[in-house]
Amino acid sequence: MEVVRAMVPKPVFITPHAVKQFQRRVAHWPAGAVIDFLLSRLQRLPDEVDVSMGTLLYRVPFVDKHITVVVGRGEGAWPAVITVIGDTQRLDRLLSWRGRRWGSRDAGRLRILRRWGFTPQQCAEVMGKPLGDISKRWRE
């Protein structure tokens, strides 16, 4: 049975991976409900953000907290939701190591950012580390 979604002014492609991650990390909703929720919340994506050049971490209100949605370039003209990280506090904890010397936990954090699709340059900016340090550890 095919579900026809209501037309939205600013369409966004919700990847199957993002639906699964929402169901796993946020709420065990049916796929259609996840898509409807994200489509309605992502109507306010900033027009000035050029997602063709990278990804956007977008904070979305959910019940009494916020979740982080990673939006990037889709295959067509629409931006795409690449994944759903979960609560914003988790993201804040991952980004809170800025300015410290490289430690054992940084390798794990670098792997997480790589998995989310960050480039070495973006990892360096987010982690507050020199690009050389990131590049040396990129293959680990």
N, C-alpha and C. Protein backbone atom coordinates (compact mmCIF):
# COMPACT_ATOMS: atom_id res chain seq x y z
N MET A 1 0.84 -1.18 0.00
CA MET A 1 0.00 0.00 0.00
C MET A 1 0.88 1.24 0.00
N GLU A 2 0.68 2.11 -0.93
CA GLU A 2 1.50 3.31 -1.06
C GLU A 2 0.85 4.46 -0.30
N VAL A 3 1.66 5.17 0.45
CA VAL A 3 1.17 6.33 1.20
C VAL A 3 1.54 7.58 0.42
N VAL A 4 0.57 8.43 0.19
CA VAL A 4 0.82 9.69 -0.51
C VAL A 4 0.95 10.79 0.53
N ARG A 5 2.09 11.43 0.58
CA ARG A 5 2.36 12.51 1.53
C ARG A 5 1.77 13.81 1.02
N ALA A 6 1.35 14.62 1.94
CA ALA A 6 0.86 15.96 1.59
C ALA A 6 2.03 16.76 1.03
N MET A 7 1.74 17.63 0.09
CA MET A 7 2.77 18.48 -0.50
C MET A 7 3.27 19.46 0.56
N VAL A 8 4.56 19.63 0.60
CA VAL A 8 5.16 20.60 1.52
C VAL A 8 5.90 21.63 0.69
N PRO A 9 5.96 22.87 1.16
CA PRO A 9 6.61 23.92 0.37
C PRO A 9 8.10 23.68 0.14
N LYS A 10 8.79 23.12 1.14
CA LYS A 10 10.23 22.88 1.02
C LYS A 10 10.49 21.39 1.24
N PRO A 11 10.42 20.59 0.17
CA PRO A 11 10.60 19.15 0.35
C PRO A 11 12.02 18.78 0.75
N VAL A 12 12.13 17.77 1.58
CA VAL A 12 13.40 17.24 2.05
C VAL A 12 13.31 15.73 1.93
N PHE A 13 14.35 15.09 1.39
CA PHE A 13 14.36 13.64 1.28
C PHE A 13 14.81 13.05 2.62
N ILE A 14 14.01 12.18 3.18
CA ILE A 14 14.35 11.51 4.44
C ILE A 14 14.88 10.12 4.07
N THR A 15 16.17 9.88 4.27
CA THR A 15 16.75 8.60 3.87
C THR A 15 16.23 7.46 4.76
N PRO A 16 16.20 6.25 4.24
CA PRO A 16 15.82 5.10 5.06
C PRO A 16 16.71 4.96 6.30
N HIS A 17 18.00 5.28 6.15
CA HIS A 17 18.92 5.23 7.29
C HIS A 17 18.48 6.19 8.38
N ALA A 18 18.09 7.40 7.99
CA ALA A 18 17.64 8.39 8.97
C ALA A 18 16.39 7.92 9.69
N VAL A 19 15.48 7.29 8.96
CA VAL A 19 14.26 6.76 9.59
C VAL A 19 14.62 5.71 10.63
N LYS A 20 15.51 4.79 10.26
CA LYS A 20 15.92 3.73 11.20
C LYS A 20 16.61 4.31 12.43
N GLN A 21 17.47 5.31 12.22
CA GLN A 21 18.18 5.92 13.35
C GLN A 21 17.21 6.66 14.25
N PHE A 22 16.21 7.32 13.70
CA PHE A 22 15.18 7.99 14.50
C PHE A 22 14.46 6.94 15.35
N GLN A 23 14.06 5.85 14.71
CA GLN A 23 13.34 4.79 15.42
C GLN A 23 14.20 4.19 16.53
N ARG A 24 15.50 4.06 16.27
CA ARG A 24 16.40 3.46 17.26
C ARG A 24 16.79 4.43 18.37
N ARG A 25 17.05 5.69 18.01
CA ARG A 25 17.61 6.63 18.97
C ARG A 25 16.59 7.56 19.62
N VAL A 26 15.44 7.76 18.98
CA VAL A 26 14.50 8.77 19.47
C VAL A 26 13.18 8.15 19.92
N ALA A 27 12.46 7.53 19.01
CA ALA A 27 11.14 6.96 19.34
C ALA A 27 10.83 5.83 18.36
N HIS A 28 10.15 4.83 18.83
CA HIS A 28 9.79 3.67 18.01
C HIS A 28 8.48 3.94 17.28
N TRP A 29 8.53 4.85 16.34
CA TRP A 29 7.36 5.24 15.56
C TRP A 29 7.38 4.49 14.24
N PRO A 30 6.23 4.35 13.59
CA PRO A 30 6.20 3.80 12.22
C PRO A 30 6.95 4.74 11.28
N ALA A 31 7.48 4.18 10.20
CA ALA A 31 8.29 4.98 9.26
C ALA A 31 7.52 6.19 8.73
N GLY A 32 6.24 6.02 8.42
CA GLY A 32 5.45 7.15 7.91
C GLY A 32 5.35 8.29 8.90
N ALA A 33 5.21 7.95 10.17
CA ALA A 33 5.12 8.99 11.21
C ALA A 33 6.44 9.73 11.35
N VAL A 34 7.56 9.00 11.23
CA VAL A 34 8.89 9.63 11.31
C VAL A 34 9.06 10.61 10.16
N ILE A 35 8.70 10.18 8.96
CA ILE A 35 8.84 11.04 7.77
C ILE A 35 7.97 12.29 7.91
N ASP A 36 6.72 12.10 8.31
CA ASP A 36 5.83 13.25 8.49
C ASP A 36 6.36 14.23 9.53
N PHE A 37 6.85 13.70 10.66
CA PHE A 37 7.39 14.55 11.72
C PHE A 37 8.58 15.36 11.21
N LEU A 38 9.54 14.67 10.57
CA LEU A 38 10.74 15.37 10.11
C LEU A 38 10.41 16.37 9.00
N LEU A 39 9.55 15.99 8.07
CA LEU A 39 9.18 16.94 7.00
C LEU A 39 8.58 18.22 7.58
N SER A 40 7.69 18.07 8.56
CA SER A 40 7.06 19.27 9.12
C SER A 40 8.07 20.12 9.88
N ARG A 41 9.02 19.50 10.58
CA ARG A 41 10.00 20.26 11.36
C ARG A 41 11.09 20.88 10.50
N LEU A 42 11.36 20.30 9.34
CA LEU A 42 12.45 20.79 8.51
C LEU A 42 12.00 21.82 7.49
N GLN A 43 10.79 22.30 7.61
CA GLN A 43 10.31 23.37 6.73
C GLN A 43 11.02 24.69 7.03
N ARG A 44 11.67 24.76 8.18
CA ARG A 44 12.35 26.00 8.57
C ARG A 44 13.85 25.93 8.34
N LEU A 45 14.32 24.99 7.51
CA LEU A 45 15.75 24.94 7.20
C LEU A 45 16.17 26.29 6.63
N PRO A 46 17.29 26.81 7.06
CA PRO A 46 17.72 28.12 6.55
C PRO A 46 18.02 28.07 5.06
N ASP A 47 17.48 29.02 4.32
CA ASP A 47 17.70 29.08 2.87
C ASP A 47 19.15 29.41 2.53
N GLU A 48 19.81 30.15 3.40
CA GLU A 48 21.16 30.61 3.07
C GLU A 48 22.23 29.53 3.26
N VAL A 49 21.87 28.39 3.84
CA VAL A 49 22.85 27.32 4.04
C VAL A 49 22.99 26.52 2.76
N ASP A 50 24.22 26.44 2.25
CA ASP A 50 24.48 25.69 1.02
C ASP A 50 24.88 24.27 1.40
N VAL A 51 23.91 23.36 1.46
CA VAL A 51 24.23 22.00 1.89
C VAL A 51 25.00 21.23 0.83
N SER A 52 25.15 21.80 -0.37
CA SER A 52 25.96 21.11 -1.38
C SER A 52 27.43 21.13 -0.99
N MET A 53 27.82 22.02 -0.09
CA MET A 53 29.22 22.12 0.33
C MET A 53 29.52 21.34 1.60
N GLY A 54 28.54 20.75 2.23
CA GLY A 54 28.79 20.03 3.46
C GLY A 54 27.50 19.59 4.10
N THR A 55 27.52 19.47 5.41
CA THR A 55 26.34 19.05 6.13
C THR A 55 25.94 20.11 7.15
N LEU A 56 24.68 20.04 7.53
CA LEU A 56 24.13 20.97 8.51
C LEU A 56 23.63 20.16 9.69
N LEU A 57 24.09 20.49 10.87
CA LEU A 57 23.55 19.88 12.09
C LEU A 57 22.38 20.74 12.51
N TYR A 58 21.18 20.20 12.42
CA TYR A 58 19.97 20.98 12.63
C TYR A 58 19.28 20.51 13.90
N ARG A 59 19.03 21.42 14.81
CA ARG A 59 18.41 21.10 16.10
C ARG A 59 16.89 21.16 15.96
N VAL A 60 16.24 20.06 16.31
CA VAL A 60 14.79 19.94 16.14
C VAL A 60 14.14 19.69 17.50
N PRO A 61 13.15 20.49 17.89
CA PRO A 61 12.45 20.23 19.16
C PRO A 61 11.73 18.89 19.11
N PHE A 62 11.83 18.13 20.20
CA PHE A 62 11.13 16.85 20.31
C PHE A 62 10.71 16.67 21.76
N VAL A 63 9.43 16.64 22.01
CA VAL A 63 8.83 16.53 23.33
C VAL A 63 9.46 17.59 24.24
N ASP A 64 10.20 17.19 25.29
CA ASP A 64 10.78 18.17 26.21
C ASP A 64 12.28 18.33 26.02
N LYS A 65 12.81 17.89 24.87
CA LYS A 65 14.24 18.01 24.59
C LYS A 65 14.42 18.37 23.13
N HIS A 66 15.61 18.24 22.62
CA HIS A 66 15.90 18.48 21.21
C HIS A 66 16.66 17.29 20.66
N ILE A 67 16.47 17.02 19.38
CA ILE A 67 17.27 16.02 18.69
C ILE A 67 18.08 16.73 17.62
N THR A 68 19.15 16.10 17.16
CA THR A 68 19.98 16.68 16.12
C THR A 68 19.80 15.87 14.85
N VAL A 69 19.47 16.56 13.78
CA VAL A 69 19.27 15.95 12.47
C VAL A 69 20.40 16.43 11.57
N VAL A 70 21.06 15.50 10.87
CA VAL A 70 22.15 15.86 9.96
C VAL A 70 21.57 15.94 8.56
N VAL A 71 21.63 17.15 7.97
CA VAL A 71 21.07 17.40 6.65
C VAL A 71 22.23 17.68 5.69
N GLY A 72 22.17 17.05 4.53
CA GLY A 72 23.21 17.25 3.52
C GLY A 72 22.61 17.32 2.14
N ARG A 73 23.47 17.28 1.15
CA ARG A 73 23.01 17.34 -0.23
C ARG A 73 22.38 16.01 -0.61
N GLY A 74 21.20 16.07 -1.22
CA GLY A 74 20.54 14.87 -1.71
C GLY A 74 21.00 14.57 -3.13
N GLU A 75 20.47 13.53 -3.71
CA GLU A 75 20.86 13.18 -5.07
C GLU A 75 20.19 14.09 -6.10
N GLY A 76 19.03 14.62 -5.78
CA GLY A 76 18.34 15.54 -6.68
C GLY A 76 18.49 16.96 -6.20
N ALA A 77 17.43 17.73 -6.39
CA ALA A 77 17.45 19.13 -5.99
C ALA A 77 17.16 19.31 -4.50
N TRP A 78 16.60 18.30 -3.87
CA TRP A 78 16.22 18.41 -2.47
C TRP A 78 17.38 18.11 -1.55
N PRO A 79 17.47 18.80 -0.41
CA PRO A 79 18.41 18.37 0.62
C PRO A 79 17.93 17.05 1.21
N ALA A 80 18.83 16.32 1.86
CA ALA A 80 18.47 15.00 2.40
C ALA A 80 18.83 14.92 3.88
N VAL A 81 17.98 14.27 4.65
CA VAL A 81 18.32 13.95 6.04
C VAL A 81 19.18 12.71 5.98
N ILE A 82 20.44 12.85 6.37
CA ILE A 82 21.40 11.77 6.30
C ILE A 82 21.23 10.84 7.49
N THR A 83 21.11 11.40 8.67
CA THR A 83 20.93 10.60 9.87
C THR A 83 20.31 11.45 10.96
N VAL A 84 19.88 10.78 12.01
CA VAL A 84 19.36 11.44 13.20
C VAL A 84 20.25 11.00 14.35
N ILE A 85 20.86 11.97 15.02
CA ILE A 85 21.82 11.66 16.08
C ILE A 85 21.13 11.31 17.38
N GLY A 86 20.06 11.96 17.69
CA GLY A 86 19.38 11.74 18.96
C GLY A 86 19.38 13.03 19.74
N ASP A 87 19.42 12.93 21.06
CA ASP A 87 19.30 14.15 21.85
C ASP A 87 20.51 15.05 21.68
N THR A 88 20.25 16.35 21.75
CA THR A 88 21.28 17.35 21.54
C THR A 88 22.35 17.29 22.62
N GLN A 89 22.00 16.84 23.82
CA GLN A 89 23.00 16.73 24.88
C GLN A 89 24.11 15.78 24.48
N ARG A 90 23.76 14.71 23.77
CA ARG A 90 24.77 13.75 23.31
C ARG A 90 25.75 14.45 22.37
N LEU A 91 25.24 15.24 21.45
CA LEU A 91 26.10 15.97 20.53
C LEU A 91 26.96 16.98 21.28
N ASP A 92 26.38 17.69 22.23
CA ASP A 92 27.13 18.66 23.02
C ASP A 92 28.29 17.98 23.76
N ARG A 93 28.05 16.79 24.30
CA ARG A 93 29.12 16.07 24.99
C ARG A 93 30.23 15.68 24.03
N LEU A 94 29.85 15.28 22.80
CA LEU A 94 30.86 14.89 21.81
C LEU A 94 31.71 16.08 21.37
N LEU A 95 31.12 17.27 21.39
CA LEU A 95 31.84 18.45 20.92
C LEU A 95 32.52 19.22 22.05
N SER A 96 32.49 18.69 23.27
CA SER A 96 32.98 19.46 24.43
C SER A 96 34.47 19.30 24.70
N TRP A 97 35.20 18.60 23.86
CA TRP A 97 36.62 18.40 24.13
C TRP A 97 37.50 19.47 23.48
N ARG A 98 36.91 20.48 22.91
CA ARG A 98 37.62 21.53 22.20
C ARG A 98 38.76 22.12 23.04
N GLY A 99 39.94 22.24 22.44
CA GLY A 99 41.07 22.92 23.07
C GLY A 99 41.99 22.05 23.90
N ARG A 100 41.63 20.81 24.19
CA ARG A 100 42.51 19.94 24.97
C ARG A 100 43.55 19.28 24.07
N ARG A 101 44.61 18.77 24.68
CA ARG A 101 45.60 18.00 23.93
C ARG A 101 44.97 16.70 23.48
N TRP A 102 45.53 16.10 22.40
CA TRP A 102 44.98 14.86 21.86
C TRP A 102 45.05 13.76 22.91
N GLY A 103 43.92 13.13 23.17
CA GLY A 103 43.85 12.06 24.15
C GLY A 103 43.25 10.81 23.55
N SER A 104 43.18 9.76 24.34
CA SER A 104 42.68 8.48 23.84
C SER A 104 41.20 8.57 23.42
N ARG A 105 40.43 9.41 24.08
CA ARG A 105 39.01 9.54 23.72
C ARG A 105 38.82 10.29 22.40
N ASP A 106 39.82 11.08 22.01
CA ASP A 106 39.69 11.85 20.76
C ASP A 106 39.63 10.93 19.54
N ALA A 107 40.33 9.81 19.56
CA ALA A 107 40.30 8.87 18.43
C ALA A 107 38.88 8.34 18.23
N GLY A 108 38.20 8.03 19.31
CA GLY A 108 36.82 7.56 19.21
C GLY A 108 35.91 8.65 18.69
N ARG A 109 36.12 9.86 19.14
CA ARG A 109 35.30 10.98 18.68
C ARG A 109 35.54 11.26 17.20
N LEU A 110 36.79 11.13 16.77
CA LEU A 110 37.10 11.32 15.36
C LEU A 110 36.39 10.26 14.51
N ARG A 111 36.38 9.02 14.97
CA ARG A 111 35.68 7.95 14.24
C ARG A 111 34.19 8.26 14.13
N ILE A 112 33.60 8.77 15.19
CA ILE A 112 32.18 9.12 15.17
C ILE A 112 31.91 10.21 14.15
N LEU A 113 32.71 11.26 14.16
CA LEU A 113 32.52 12.36 13.21
C LEU A 113 32.71 11.88 11.77
N ARG A 114 33.69 10.99 11.54
CA ARG A 114 33.90 10.44 10.20
C ARG A 114 32.67 9.65 9.76
N ARG A 115 32.12 8.86 10.68
CA ARG A 115 30.94 8.05 10.37
C ARG A 115 29.76 8.95 10.01
N TRP A 116 29.67 10.11 10.61
CA TRP A 116 28.60 11.06 10.32
C TRP A 116 28.84 11.81 9.02
N GLY A 117 30.00 11.58 8.38
CA GLY A 117 30.26 12.18 7.09
C GLY A 117 31.08 13.46 7.11
N PHE A 118 31.71 13.78 8.24
CA PHE A 118 32.53 14.98 8.32
C PHE A 118 33.83 14.76 7.54
N THR A 119 34.34 15.82 6.92
CA THR A 119 35.64 15.79 6.23
C THR A 119 36.73 16.05 7.27
N PRO A 120 38.00 15.77 6.93
CA PRO A 120 39.08 16.10 7.87
C PRO A 120 39.08 17.57 8.30
N GLN A 121 38.84 18.48 7.34
CA GLN A 121 38.80 19.91 7.66
C GLN A 121 37.69 20.22 8.65
N GLN A 122 36.49 19.65 8.42
CA GLN A 122 35.37 19.88 9.33
C GLN A 122 35.66 19.31 10.71
N CYS A 123 36.29 18.13 10.75
CA CYS A 123 36.65 17.53 12.04
C CYS A 123 37.62 18.43 12.79
N ALA A 124 38.59 18.98 12.08
CA ALA A 124 39.55 19.88 12.71
C ALA A 124 38.86 21.10 13.29
N GLU A 125 37.91 21.67 12.55
CA GLU A 125 37.20 22.85 13.02
C GLU A 125 36.32 22.52 14.23
N VAL A 126 35.59 21.41 14.14
CA VAL A 126 34.69 21.04 15.23
C VAL A 126 35.46 20.65 16.48
N MET A 127 36.55 19.91 16.31
CA MET A 127 37.31 19.43 17.46
C MET A 127 38.26 20.48 18.01
N GLY A 128 38.49 21.56 17.25
CA GLY A 128 39.43 22.57 17.71
C GLY A 128 40.86 22.07 17.70
N LYS A 129 41.18 21.22 16.73
CA LYS A 129 42.51 20.61 16.61
C LYS A 129 43.13 21.04 15.28
N PRO A 130 44.46 21.04 15.19
CA PRO A 130 45.10 21.35 13.91
C PRO A 130 44.76 20.29 12.87
N LEU A 131 44.61 20.72 11.61
CA LEU A 131 44.30 19.79 10.54
C LEU A 131 45.37 18.70 10.42
N GLY A 132 46.62 19.04 10.70
CA GLY A 132 47.70 18.06 10.66
C GLY A 132 47.47 16.91 11.63
N ASP A 133 47.00 17.23 12.85
CA ASP A 133 46.71 16.18 13.83
C ASP A 133 45.59 15.27 13.34
N ILE A 134 44.58 15.85 12.75
CA ILE A 134 43.46 15.06 12.22
C ILE A 134 43.93 14.20 11.06
N SER A 135 44.69 14.79 10.14
CA SER A 135 45.17 14.06 8.95
C SER A 135 46.04 12.87 9.34
N LYS A 136 46.89 13.05 10.35
CA LYS A 136 47.74 11.94 10.81
C LYS A 136 46.91 10.77 11.30
N ARG A 137 45.80 11.05 11.90
CA ARG A 137 44.98 10.01 12.51
C ARG A 137 43.79 9.59 11.65
N TRP A 138 43.68 10.15 10.45
CA TRP A 138 42.51 9.90 9.61
C TRP A 138 42.37 8.44 9.21
N ARG A 139 43.47 7.73 9.04
CA ARG A 139 43.42 6.33 8.59
C ARG A 139 43.22 5.35 9.74
N GLU A 140 43.25 5.78 10.97
CA GLU A 140 43.14 4.88 12.13
C GLU A 140 41.78 4.24 12.20
